[in-house]
Amino acid sequence: VSASHICAIGYSMGGFGVYQLASHEPKLFDVAVPIAGYVLGTLEAENSAYQPPQPLATEVMTKFLSDRAKRLSLVHNLLVVHSAIDNVS
């Protein structure tokens, strides 16, 4: 690749893709920006709006972070944009 800067930016499922790509090839990207993205699994409670199967969803997230967090830390600039659920958008 001959670009002067390589950026990965994605919203929602695209943010999921940013996490996946950046964790596989962290040195490839100058900046990675997942917006409202997610990783595998969640810490959300079973009685939340999302209703994930707990404790399995927590175990999946813990494994993902255990396997990938160190590699994500190698991305030169990782800007994570997220917020709590709102009732407006």
Protein backbone atom coordinates (compact mmCIF):
# COMPACT_ATOMS: atom_id res chain seq x y z
CA VAL A 1 0.00 0.00 0.00
CA SER A 2 1.44 3.35 -0.98
CA ALA A 3 -0.99 5.75 0.69
CA SER A 4 0.61 8.27 3.03
CA HIS A 5 -1.94 7.53 5.77
CA ILE A 6 -4.29 4.60 6.17
CA CYS A 7 -7.44 5.12 8.21
CA ALA A 8 -10.20 2.72 9.17
CA ILE A 9 -13.49 4.35 10.16
CA GLY A 10 -16.81 2.60 10.65
CA TYR A 11 -20.21 3.15 12.24
CA SER A 12 -22.11 0.42 14.13
CA MET A 13 -21.38 -2.84 12.31
CA GLY A 14 -18.67 -0.94 10.44
CA GLY A 15 -17.20 -0.11 13.85
CA PHE A 16 -17.19 -3.84 14.58
CA GLY A 17 -15.22 -4.28 11.36
CA VAL A 18 -12.75 -1.59 12.44
CA TYR A 19 -12.08 -3.49 15.68
CA GLN A 20 -11.64 -6.73 13.73
CA LEU A 21 -9.29 -5.27 11.10
CA ALA A 22 -7.26 -3.23 13.57
CA SER A 23 -6.81 -6.17 15.91
CA HIS A 24 -5.59 -8.36 13.03
CA GLU A 25 -3.23 -5.81 11.44
CA PRO A 26 -2.62 -3.02 13.98
CA LYS A 27 0.54 -1.70 12.29
CA LEU A 28 -1.32 -1.20 8.99
CA PHE A 29 -3.44 1.69 10.26
CA ASP A 30 -2.38 5.20 11.21
CA VAL A 31 -5.77 5.73 12.81
CA ALA A 32 -8.74 3.49 13.57
CA VAL A 33 -12.10 5.03 14.54
CA PRO A 34 -14.96 2.74 15.53
CA ILE A 35 -18.11 4.87 15.99
CA ALA A 36 -20.89 3.21 17.99
CA GLY A 37 -19.08 -0.04 17.21
CA TYR A 38 -18.87 -3.13 19.32
CA VAL A 39 -16.66 -6.12 19.90
CA LEU A 40 -17.72 -9.71 20.34
CA GLY A 41 -19.83 -10.14 23.47
CA THR A 42 -21.13 -7.56 25.93
CA LEU A 43 -21.29 -6.71 29.61
CA GLU A 44 -24.92 -5.56 29.32
CA ALA A 45 -27.36 -7.17 31.72
CA GLU A 46 -29.80 -9.79 30.49
CA ASN A 47 -32.72 -7.55 31.43
CA SER A 48 -31.40 -4.61 29.32
CA ALA A 49 -33.01 -3.57 26.04
CA TYR A 50 -30.46 -5.69 24.14
CA GLN A 51 -31.16 -8.81 26.28
CA PRO A 52 -27.87 -10.62 25.76
CA PRO A 53 -27.55 -14.18 27.05
CA GLN A 54 -25.56 -13.81 30.27
CA PRO A 55 -23.11 -14.97 31.52
CA LEU A 56 -22.13 -16.22 28.04
CA ALA A 57 -21.98 -12.73 26.49
CA THR A 58 -19.59 -11.57 29.22
CA GLU A 59 -17.39 -14.64 28.70
CA VAL A 60 -17.26 -13.99 24.94
CA MET A 61 -16.28 -10.34 25.50
CA THR A 62 -13.67 -11.26 28.10
CA LYS A 63 -12.10 -13.75 25.68
CA PHE A 64 -12.13 -11.24 22.81
CA LEU A 65 -10.41 -8.61 24.96
CA SER A 66 -7.93 -11.14 26.30
CA ASP A 67 -7.04 -12.19 22.76
CA ARG A 68 -7.13 -8.78 21.04
CA ALA A 69 -6.66 -5.85 23.46
CA LYS A 70 -2.87 -6.00 23.32
CA ARG A 71 -2.90 -5.90 19.52
CA LEU A 72 -5.42 -3.03 19.49
CA SER A 73 -3.05 -1.07 21.72
CA LEU A 74 -0.51 -1.23 18.86
CA VAL A 75 -2.69 0.90 16.56
CA HIS A 76 -0.95 4.28 16.33
CA ASN A 77 -4.21 6.23 17.02
CA LEU A 78 -7.33 4.44 18.20
CA LEU A 79 -10.25 6.82 18.72
CA VAL A 80 -13.34 5.10 20.10
CA VAL A 81 -16.60 7.07 19.82
CA HIS A 82 -19.60 5.75 21.74
CA SER A 83 -22.37 6.92 24.04
CA ALA A 84 -25.19 5.61 26.15
CA ILE A 85 -28.50 4.73 24.46
CA ASP A 86 -30.61 7.83 23.85
CA ASN A 87 -34.31 8.28 23.12
CA VAL A 88 -33.82 10.84 20.35
CA SER A 89 -31.94 9.23 17.48
